[in-house]
């Protein structure tokens, strides 16, 4: 149980420290507990459902900032900038780069597309909103895993 809870807590940190695959750690904590209780405390069905949710959050983590940029009318250059920023952000800005990279990348892309600075801010903020949305989704899934784990232990 201690290892399982440690993995879930590490997963919670992963919501705020983008380099950690938070939901994956939390799911692994659930799997470990389920396995060592022979899937009696947490069923295989529940573990598989949360595997699906884990994979979905991984996809949302990548797609949400891009959808946010697109919703706020980002140009093709802005979308490319957000994508590049997502991948390069960690190297340029460190751990905060997962959040700042798409924001800065979308802004630079919008400037390259010919938009004025003030007009480039809105699509860049859309990217940031997408990032925040994906963080809320990750936090929700991890808290659900934590709740199931607490219920299983009690």
Protein backbone atom coordinates (compact mmCIF):
# COMPACT_ATOMS: atom_id res chain seq x y z
CA UNK A 1 0.00 0.00 0.00
CA UNK A 2 2.86 2.39 0.80
CA UNK A 3 4.40 2.01 -2.66
CA UNK A 4 1.01 2.49 -4.29
CA UNK A 5 0.29 5.69 -2.35
CA UNK A 6 3.82 6.96 -3.03
CA UNK A 7 3.26 6.49 -6.77
CA UNK A 8 -0.10 8.30 -6.64
CA UNK A 9 1.42 11.19 -4.66
CA UNK A 10 4.27 11.34 -7.18
CA UNK A 11 1.56 11.44 -9.84
CA UNK A 12 -0.02 14.46 -8.13
CA UNK A 13 3.32 16.25 -8.34
CA UNK A 14 3.34 15.39 -12.03
CA UNK A 15 0.35 17.68 -12.59
CA UNK A 16 2.46 20.62 -11.43
CA UNK A 17 5.89 19.41 -12.59
CA UNK A 18 5.37 18.78 -16.28
CA UNK A 19 8.36 16.46 -16.70
CA UNK A 20 6.75 13.79 -14.52
CA UNK A 21 4.14 11.60 -16.23
CA UNK A 22 1.70 12.16 -13.37
CA UNK A 23 -1.34 10.17 -14.42
CA UNK A 24 0.87 7.26 -15.49
CA UNK A 25 2.50 7.11 -12.05
CA UNK A 26 -0.89 7.28 -10.32
CA UNK A 27 -2.27 4.50 -12.52
CA UNK A 28 0.82 2.40 -11.82
CA UNK A 29 0.17 2.87 -8.10
CA UNK A 30 -3.36 1.57 -8.61
CA UNK A 31 -2.10 -1.38 -10.66
CA UNK A 32 0.50 -2.32 -8.03
CA UNK A 33 -2.10 -2.35 -5.25
CA UNK A 34 -4.62 -4.26 -7.38
CA UNK A 35 -2.01 -6.84 -8.37
CA UNK A 36 -0.75 -7.45 -4.84
CA UNK A 37 -4.33 -7.90 -3.59
CA UNK A 38 -5.06 -10.31 -6.46
CA UNK A 39 -7.47 -7.76 -7.96
CA UNK A 40 -9.82 -8.29 -5.01
CA UNK A 41 -9.61 -4.74 -3.60
CA UNK A 42 -9.56 -3.11 -7.03
CA UNK A 43 -10.91 -5.14 -9.93
CA UNK A 44 -9.12 -5.69 -13.21
CA UNK A 45 -12.03 -3.90 -14.91
CA UNK A 46 -11.40 -0.74 -12.87
CA UNK A 47 -7.66 -0.94 -13.59
CA UNK A 48 -8.35 -1.27 -17.33
CA UNK A 49 -10.85 1.60 -17.32
CA UNK A 50 -8.26 3.82 -15.67
CA UNK A 51 -5.63 2.64 -18.15
CA UNK A 52 -7.92 3.97 -20.87
CA UNK A 53 -8.36 7.25 -18.98
CA UNK A 54 -4.59 7.47 -18.51
CA UNK A 55 -3.99 7.07 -22.23
CA UNK A 56 -6.72 9.60 -22.96
CA UNK A 57 -5.16 12.18 -20.62
CA UNK A 58 -1.81 11.68 -22.33
CA UNK A 59 -3.43 12.54 -25.66
CA UNK A 60 -5.35 15.49 -24.18
CA UNK A 61 -2.12 16.80 -22.69
CA UNK A 62 -0.70 17.18 -26.19
CA UNK A 63 -3.88 18.17 -28.05
CA UNK A 64 -5.55 20.61 -25.60
CA UNK A 65 -3.06 23.49 -26.01
CA UNK A 66 -3.35 23.19 -29.78
CA UNK A 67 -7.16 23.15 -29.63
CA UNK A 68 -7.09 26.20 -27.37
CA UNK A 69 -4.92 28.03 -29.90
CA UNK A 70 -7.21 27.02 -32.76
CA UNK A 71 -10.36 28.10 -30.87
CA UNK A 72 -8.90 31.58 -30.53
CA UNK A 73 -8.26 31.75 -34.27
CA UNK A 74 -4.58 30.94 -34.36
CA UNK A 75 -2.99 30.99 -37.80
CA UNK A 76 -1.19 27.97 -39.23
CA UNK A 77 2.05 29.60 -38.14
CA UNK A 78 0.64 30.01 -34.63
CA UNK A 79 -0.35 26.33 -34.47
CA UNK A 80 3.08 25.28 -35.72
CA UNK A 81 4.67 27.62 -33.17
CA UNK A 82 2.55 26.14 -30.37
CA UNK A 83 3.53 22.61 -31.45
CA UNK A 84 7.22 23.48 -31.63
CA UNK A 85 6.96 25.31 -28.33
CA UNK A 86 5.42 22.24 -26.71
CA UNK A 87 8.41 20.10 -27.70
CA UNK A 88 11.19 22.69 -27.36
CA UNK A 89 9.81 24.49 -24.32
CA UNK A 90 11.31 22.11 -21.78
CA UNK A 91 14.78 22.57 -23.24
CA UNK A 92 14.50 26.35 -23.36
CA UNK A 93 12.53 27.13 -20.18
CA UNK A 94 13.20 24.04 -18.04
CA UNK A 95 10.28 22.34 -16.27
CA UNK A 96 7.98 25.34 -16.81
CA UNK A 97 8.62 24.96 -20.54
CA UNK A 98 5.71 22.57 -21.02
CA UNK A 99 3.46 25.47 -20.02
CA UNK A 100 5.45 28.42 -21.39
CA UNK A 101 6.70 26.77 -24.60
CA UNK A 102 3.34 26.53 -26.40
CA UNK A 103 2.38 30.02 -25.20
CA UNK A 104 5.59 31.63 -26.47
CA UNK A 105 5.65 29.45 -29.60
CA UNK A 106 2.09 30.41 -30.54
CA UNK A 107 2.86 34.09 -29.95
CA UNK A 108 6.00 33.96 -32.13
CA UNK A 109 4.10 32.03 -34.81
CA UNK A 110 1.37 34.68 -34.85
CA UNK A 111 3.95 37.45 -35.18
CA UNK A 112 5.56 35.56 -38.08
CA UNK A 113 2.13 35.24 -39.72
CA UNK A 114 1.94 39.02 -39.80
CA UNK A 115 -0.32 39.71 -36.83
CA UNK A 116 0.38 42.70 -34.63
CA UNK A 117 1.57 42.04 -31.09
CA UNK A 118 -1.83 42.71 -29.51
CA UNK A 119 -3.61 40.47 -32.01
CA UNK A 120 -1.07 37.68 -31.42
CA UNK A 121 -1.79 37.55 -27.69
CA UNK A 122 -5.30 36.07 -27.95
CA UNK A 123 -4.32 32.82 -29.76
CA UNK A 124 -1.31 32.47 -27.45
CA UNK A 125 -3.60 32.77 -24.42
CA UNK A 126 -5.87 30.14 -25.99
CA UNK A 127 -2.88 27.82 -25.93
CA UNK A 128 -2.38 28.54 -22.24
CA UNK A 129 -6.08 27.93 -21.52
CA UNK A 130 -5.78 24.55 -23.26
CA UNK A 131 -2.81 23.72 -21.05
CA UNK A 132 -4.78 24.63 -17.92
CA UNK A 133 -7.72 22.51 -19.07
CA UNK A 134 -5.48 19.49 -19.58
CA UNK A 135 -4.02 20.03 -16.10
CA UNK A 136 -7.51 20.03 -14.56
CA UNK A 137 -8.33 16.79 -16.40
CA UNK A 138 -5.10 15.15 -15.18
CA UNK A 139 -5.76 16.29 -11.61
CA UNK A 140 -9.31 14.92 -11.75
CA UNK A 141 -8.17 11.48 -12.95
CA UNK A 142 -5.40 11.30 -10.33
CA UNK A 143 -7.78 12.29 -7.53
CA UNK A 144 -10.23 9.61 -8.72
CA UNK A 145 -7.42 7.04 -8.61
CA UNK A 146 -6.46 8.25 -5.12
CA UNK A 147 -10.09 7.96 -3.98
CA UNK A 148 -10.37 4.41 -5.29
CA UNK A 149 -7.09 3.47 -3.64
CA UNK A 150 -8.17 4.93 -0.28
CA UNK A 151 -11.52 3.12 -0.50
CA UNK A 152 -9.75 -0.14 -1.35
CA UNK A 153 -7.38 0.14 1.61
CA UNK A 154 -10.17 1.02 4.03
